[in-house]
Amino acid sequence: MKTPRISFEFFPPKSLEASFRLWDTVQTLAPLEPRFVSVTYGAGGTTRELTRDAVGTLHKATGLNVAAHLTCVDASREETLEIADQFAAAGVTEIVALRGDPPKGSDGFAAHPQGFGNSCELISALAETGKFNIRVGAYPEKHPEATSQQADIDWLKRKIDAGASEAITQFFFEADTFFRFRDACAKAGIDAPIIPGILPIENWTGTRKFALACGTQVPAWLDDAFDKAIRDNRHDLLATALATELCSDLIEGGAEDLHFYTLNRPELTRDVCHALGVTPKVELRHVA
C-alpha cells in the first residue's frame, strides 16, 4: 500500500487550557510532516481573531505550512480581504475559503450588506490578489441546504473555476461514498484534486450527532459496532481500526492525500497515521 500524504485540521483555542491542548496536538502530529495544517473559523465568524492569532503563531513557531480558514460570515468584503492581507503579511499564503456556518440561533446564512454573497465571490476576490493557494470544501453526500447532490457538484465546479486549486471533503463513513462522489465530479469536468476528509471517532455519540446535522449518512452497521464496543469498553480500539480500514480502502482506490479532522485530540489520528506507514521523521544530529 502506498503511503499517503497527510494534512490536519485544528481549531483555535478559546481558553488557556485549550491553548495547551492545541500545542500538545501540534507537537504530537508535526513530526509526521503534514503537507499542510488548517485552522478553522467558528460558526458565524466567532473565532476570527483567534484563528488569525493561532495561524500566525503556528506558522512562526513551527514552520508548518499553515492554511487559514476564511469565511463570508458577518464581515464586509473590505474586512474579509483585510484579514487575508494580514495572513499574507504573516507569511501565510494558504487559505481554505468557505461560505461559513451562520451564527447559532439564526435562520440560516444571510450575507453581510457589504459582504461576499457566497464562497465563489470570496474565492474570485482572493484569486485576483495572486497571493494565495486556495482550497475549498466539498460534500460527498448532499449538503443539508442543497437541492440535490448534483447541485453540490455543480457548485464545487464553480468554486474550482473561480480559482481554487483543491477541495477537501466533509467526513464520511464508507469509502464507496467518496468514490461515487469522485467519479461524479470527474464526469462533471472537475479535474482539481479532491482530498478525502477523515474524522477519527473520538466519541461516537458526539460524532453521530454531528453527522446527522451535516447530512452525513450513518450506516446501521456502525451503530451496532459502537453499541457493542462501548459495552465492552473497546471504543478507542474500534475507532482506530475503522479509521485505518477506511483510509486503507481510500488509498487502494487511488487517493493520494488524506485530511484528518483532529478536534485538537491527536492520539487517535497519530495512531491511524502510524498504521498507514506515516511515521515521524527523525533527524540524526551530532553523530560521530
Protein backbone atom coordinates (compact mmCIF):
# COMPACT_ATOMS: atom_id res chain seq x y z
CA MET A 1 0.00 0.00 0.00
CA LYS A 2 1.31 3.41 -0.95
CA THR A 3 1.98 5.78 1.93
CA PRO A 4 -0.40 8.76 1.68
CA ARG A 5 0.39 12.43 2.02
CA ILE A 6 -1.44 13.76 5.04
CA SER A 7 -2.76 17.04 6.41
CA PHE A 8 -4.50 18.03 9.62
CA GLU A 9 -7.22 20.41 10.76
CA PHE A 10 -7.01 22.19 14.11
CA PHE A 11 -9.33 24.69 15.74
CA PRO A 12 -8.22 27.83 17.55
CA PRO A 13 -8.18 27.77 21.38
CA LYS A 14 -10.73 29.73 23.40
CA SER A 15 -9.04 29.27 26.79
CA LEU A 16 -5.63 28.76 28.35
CA GLU A 17 -6.31 25.05 28.78
CA ALA A 18 -7.34 24.81 25.13
CA SER A 19 -4.13 26.60 24.12
CA PHE A 20 -2.06 23.93 25.82
CA ARG A 21 -4.14 21.23 24.14
CA LEU A 22 -3.58 22.78 20.71
CA TRP A 23 0.15 23.00 21.33
CA ASP A 24 0.26 19.36 22.51
CA THR A 25 -1.66 18.37 19.37
CA VAL A 26 0.80 20.21 17.14
CA GLN A 27 3.80 18.72 18.95
CA THR A 28 2.36 15.22 18.53
CA LEU A 29 1.47 15.49 14.85
CA ALA A 30 4.10 17.84 13.41
CA PRO A 31 6.79 15.09 13.27
CA LEU A 32 4.57 13.30 10.72
CA GLU A 33 5.43 16.12 8.30
CA PRO A 34 1.95 17.05 7.06
CA ARG A 35 1.65 18.70 3.66
CA PHE A 36 -0.30 21.46 5.40
CA VAL A 37 -2.34 22.09 8.54
CA SER A 38 -5.51 24.18 8.60
CA VAL A 39 -7.05 26.28 11.37
CA THR A 40 -10.83 26.64 11.45
CA TYR A 41 -13.24 29.54 11.85
CA GLY A 42 -16.07 29.24 14.36
CA ALA A 43 -19.72 29.44 13.32
CA GLY A 44 -20.70 32.98 12.50
CA GLY A 45 -17.08 34.10 12.42
CA THR A 46 -16.90 33.87 16.22
CA THR A 47 -13.22 32.91 16.30
CA ARG A 48 -11.98 35.30 13.62
CA GLU A 49 -9.29 36.93 15.78
CA LEU A 50 -8.42 33.64 17.49
CA THR A 51 -7.94 32.00 14.11
CA ARG A 52 -5.73 34.85 12.89
CA ASP A 53 -3.58 34.68 16.03
CA ALA A 54 -3.33 30.87 16.01
CA VAL A 55 -2.39 30.80 12.32
CA GLY A 56 0.34 33.39 12.78
CA THR A 57 1.75 31.70 15.87
CA LEU A 58 1.78 28.22 14.34
CA HIS A 59 3.45 29.46 11.17
CA LYS A 60 6.11 31.37 13.05
CA ALA A 61 6.80 28.86 15.83
CA THR A 62 6.65 25.56 13.95
CA GLY A 63 7.50 26.20 10.31
CA LEU A 64 4.46 24.15 9.30
CA ASN A 65 2.64 25.06 6.10
CA VAL A 66 -0.42 26.63 7.72
CA ALA A 67 -3.70 27.18 5.88
CA ALA A 68 -6.16 29.66 7.38
CA HIS A 69 -9.90 29.18 7.09
CA LEU A 70 -11.66 32.30 5.81
CA THR A 71 -15.43 32.74 5.54
CA CYS A 72 -18.00 35.20 4.25
CA VAL A 73 -19.94 35.43 7.51
CA ASP A 74 -20.58 38.70 9.37
CA ALA A 75 -17.92 40.81 7.67
CA SER A 76 -17.72 43.23 4.75
CA ARG A 77 -15.66 42.49 1.68
CA GLU A 78 -13.12 45.05 2.86
CA GLU A 79 -12.84 43.48 6.31
CA THR A 80 -12.53 39.97 4.90
CA LEU A 81 -9.80 40.92 2.43
CA GLU A 82 -8.01 42.86 5.16
CA ILE A 83 -7.84 39.66 7.21
CA ALA A 84 -6.48 37.85 4.15
CA ASP A 85 -3.83 40.55 3.76
CA GLN A 86 -2.87 40.07 7.41
CA PHE A 87 -2.39 36.36 6.74
CA ALA A 88 -0.21 37.13 3.71
CA ALA A 89 1.84 39.67 5.70
CA ALA A 90 2.49 36.96 8.30
CA GLY A 91 3.78 34.64 5.57
CA VAL A 92 0.61 32.52 5.38
CA THR A 93 -0.38 32.06 1.74
CA GLU A 94 -2.70 29.05 2.05
CA ILE A 95 -6.42 29.70 2.53
CA VAL A 96 -9.39 27.38 2.91
CA ALA A 97 -12.20 29.57 1.54
CA LEU A 98 -15.69 28.77 2.79
CA ARG A 99 -19.08 30.43 2.88
CA GLY A 100 -19.17 29.61 6.59
CA ASP A 101 -21.85 28.49 9.01
CA PRO A 102 -24.41 31.08 10.09
CA PRO A 103 -24.39 32.29 13.70
CA LYS A 104 -26.08 29.95 16.17
CA GLY A 105 -29.74 30.74 16.58
CA SER A 106 -30.11 32.35 13.16
CA ASP A 107 -32.50 31.19 10.43
CA GLY A 108 -29.66 30.50 8.01
CA PHE A 109 -26.90 32.23 6.11
CA ALA A 110 -27.52 35.87 5.31
CA ALA A 111 -24.81 37.82 3.52
CA HIS A 112 -23.40 40.93 5.17
CA PRO A 113 -24.80 44.02 3.38
CA GLN A 114 -21.30 44.88 2.15
CA GLY A 115 -20.01 41.33 2.26
CA PHE A 116 -19.44 38.43 -0.11
CA GLY A 117 -22.68 36.74 -1.05
CA ASN A 118 -21.20 33.25 -1.34
CA SER A 119 -17.96 31.29 -1.41
CA CYS A 120 -17.44 31.76 -5.17
CA GLU A 121 -17.32 35.54 -4.76
CA LEU A 122 -14.78 35.15 -1.95
CA ILE A 123 -12.65 32.73 -3.98
CA SER A 124 -12.64 35.03 -7.01
CA ALA A 125 -11.53 38.01 -4.91
CA LEU A 126 -8.76 36.01 -3.24
CA ALA A 127 -7.61 34.61 -6.58
CA GLU A 128 -7.43 38.12 -8.07
CA THR A 129 -4.86 39.12 -5.44
CA GLY A 130 -2.46 36.46 -6.72
CA LYS A 131 -1.23 35.92 -3.16
CA PHE A 132 -2.88 32.65 -2.16
CA ASN A 133 -3.25 28.97 -2.85
CA ILE A 134 -6.96 28.39 -2.27
CA ARG A 135 -8.69 25.21 -1.13
CA VAL A 136 -12.44 24.74 -0.74
CA GLY A 137 -14.92 22.40 0.89
CA ALA A 138 -16.75 19.59 -0.91
CA TYR A 139 -19.69 17.43 0.09
CA PRO A 140 -19.66 13.74 -0.90
CA GLU A 141 -23.20 13.49 0.48
CA LYS A 142 -25.85 16.14 -0.14
CA HIS A 143 -25.35 19.31 1.88
CA PRO A 144 -28.43 19.94 4.08
CA GLU A 145 -29.10 23.22 2.23
CA ALA A 146 -28.58 21.84 -1.28
CA THR A 147 -31.43 20.88 -3.57
CA SER A 148 -29.60 17.78 -4.80
CA GLN A 149 -26.24 16.04 -4.88
CA GLN A 150 -25.76 17.28 -8.44
CA ALA A 151 -26.31 20.84 -7.26
CA ASP A 152 -23.45 20.35 -4.80
CA ILE A 153 -21.20 19.09 -7.60
CA ASP A 154 -22.16 21.96 -9.91
CA TRP A 155 -21.35 24.43 -7.12
CA LEU A 156 -17.99 22.75 -6.50
CA LYS A 157 -17.13 23.17 -10.18
CA ARG A 158 -17.94 26.88 -9.90
CA LYS A 159 -15.59 27.14 -6.92
CA ILE A 160 -12.77 25.43 -8.79
CA ASP A 161 -13.37 27.60 -11.87
CA ALA A 162 -13.31 30.69 -9.61
CA GLY A 163 -9.72 29.94 -8.63
CA ALA A 164 -9.50 27.08 -6.12
CA SER A 165 -6.75 24.51 -6.58
CA GLU A 166 -8.05 21.64 -4.42
CA ALA A 167 -11.13 20.55 -2.50
CA ILE A 168 -11.36 18.87 0.91
CA THR A 169 -14.46 16.78 1.60
CA GLN A 170 -16.75 16.69 4.58
CA PHE A 171 -16.18 13.48 6.56
CA PHE A 172 -17.96 10.26 5.61
CA PHE A 173 -18.01 6.71 6.94
CA GLU A 174 -17.64 4.45 3.89
CA ALA A 175 -15.04 4.61 1.12
CA ASP A 176 -17.61 3.98 -1.62
CA THR A 177 -19.27 7.28 -0.66
CA PHE A 178 -16.08 9.09 -1.65
CA PHE A 179 -15.50 7.05 -4.80
CA ARG A 180 -19.02 7.72 -6.12
CA PHE A 181 -18.55 11.42 -5.45
CA ARG A 182 -15.10 11.50 -7.07
CA ASP A 183 -16.44 9.77 -10.19
CA ALA A 184 -19.41 12.17 -10.41
CA CYS A 185 -17.04 15.14 -10.08
CA ALA A 186 -14.84 13.82 -12.88
CA LYS A 187 -17.94 13.35 -15.06
CA ALA A 188 -18.84 17.00 -14.37
CA GLY A 189 -15.44 18.14 -15.63
CA ILE A 190 -13.80 18.78 -12.26
CA ASP A 191 -10.12 17.94 -12.62
CA ALA A 192 -8.75 19.51 -9.43
CA PRO A 193 -7.63 17.11 -6.68
CA ILE A 194 -10.34 16.14 -4.18
CA ILE A 195 -8.93 15.21 -0.77
CA PRO A 196 -10.95 12.85 1.44
CA GLY A 197 -11.72 14.33 4.87
CA ILE A 198 -11.31 11.79 7.69
CA LEU A 199 -12.85 12.16 11.15
CA PRO A 200 -11.37 9.63 13.59
CA ILE A 201 -14.19 8.90 16.02
CA GLU A 202 -13.15 10.17 19.44
CA ASN A 203 -16.70 9.96 20.80
CA TRP A 204 -19.37 8.04 18.94
CA THR A 205 -22.35 9.86 20.49
CA GLY A 206 -20.96 13.28 19.57
CA THR A 207 -19.81 12.16 16.13
CA ARG A 208 -23.19 10.64 15.32
CA LYS A 209 -24.98 13.85 16.32
CA PHE A 210 -22.59 15.93 14.22
CA ALA A 211 -23.02 13.59 11.24
CA LEU A 212 -26.80 13.88 11.26
CA ALA A 213 -26.57 17.68 11.48
CA CYS A 214 -24.35 17.98 8.41
CA GLY A 215 -26.00 15.36 6.20
CA THR A 216 -23.51 12.52 6.64
CA GLN A 217 -25.26 9.15 6.44
CA VAL A 218 -24.74 6.85 9.43
CA PRO A 219 -24.73 3.18 8.35
CA ALA A 220 -26.69 0.83 10.62
CA TRP A 221 -23.69 -1.46 10.98
CA LEU A 222 -21.71 1.42 12.50
CA ASP A 223 -24.33 1.98 15.18
CA ASP A 224 -24.28 -1.73 16.02
CA ALA A 225 -20.48 -1.87 16.10
CA PHE A 226 -20.14 1.05 18.52
CA ASP A 227 -23.00 -0.18 20.72
CA LYS A 228 -21.06 -3.40 21.26
CA ALA A 229 -17.66 -1.69 21.55
CA ILE A 230 -18.88 0.77 24.17
CA ARG A 231 -20.47 -2.07 26.14
CA ASP A 232 -17.15 -3.98 26.04
CA ASN A 233 -15.04 -0.86 26.76
CA ARG A 234 -13.35 -1.08 23.35
CA HIS A 235 -14.49 2.20 21.81
CA ASP A 236 -10.99 3.52 21.02
CA LEU A 237 -9.81 0.19 19.62
CA LEU A 238 -12.77 0.06 17.26
CA ALA A 239 -12.37 3.72 16.28
CA THR A 240 -8.71 3.19 15.37
CA ALA A 241 -9.47 0.03 13.39
CA LEU A 242 -12.34 1.63 11.46
CA ALA A 243 -10.43 4.80 10.57
CA THR A 244 -7.41 2.77 9.48
CA GLU A 245 -9.57 0.49 7.32
CA LEU A 246 -11.36 3.46 5.74
CA CYS A 247 -8.05 5.15 4.91
CA SER A 248 -6.59 1.92 3.52
CA ASP A 249 -9.61 1.45 1.24
CA LEU A 250 -9.29 5.05 0.03
CA ILE A 251 -5.58 4.64 -0.73
CA GLU A 252 -6.17 1.37 -2.57
CA GLY A 253 -8.84 3.19 -4.57
CA GLY A 254 -6.38 5.83 -5.70
CA ALA A 255 -6.50 8.53 -3.01
CA GLU A 256 -3.04 10.03 -2.55
CA ASP A 257 -3.90 12.57 0.15
CA LEU A 258 -5.86 12.33 3.40
CA HIS A 259 -7.03 15.27 5.54
CA PHE A 260 -7.68 14.48 9.21
CA TYR A 261 -10.12 16.44 11.37
CA THR A 262 -8.20 16.15 14.64
CA LEU A 263 -10.56 18.02 17.02
CA ASN A 264 -7.30 19.02 18.75
CA ARG A 265 -7.06 15.48 20.14
CA PRO A 266 -4.10 13.96 18.36
CA GLU A 267 -3.64 10.44 19.69
CA LEU A 268 -6.19 8.63 17.53
CA THR A 269 -5.09 10.48 14.38
CA ARG A 270 -1.45 9.72 15.18
CA ASP A 271 -2.19 6.01 15.68
CA VAL A 272 -4.08 5.80 12.39
CA CYS A 273 -1.25 7.55 10.54
CA HIS A 274 1.29 5.16 12.04
CA ALA A 275 -0.82 2.20 10.90
CA LEU A 276 -0.79 3.63 7.37
CA GLY A 277 3.01 3.87 7.38
CA VAL A 278 3.20 7.61 8.10
CA THR A 279 5.80 7.73 10.84
CA PRO A 280 7.82 10.52 12.50
CA LYS A 281 10.84 11.75 10.61
CA VAL A 282 13.80 11.61 12.99
CA GLU A 283 16.87 13.70 12.28
CA LEU A 284 20.23 12.37 13.44
CA ARG A 285 22.40 15.13 14.76
CA HIS A 286 25.84 15.30 16.32
CA VAL A 287 26.59 11.76 15.24
CA ALA A 288 30.29 10.99 15.49
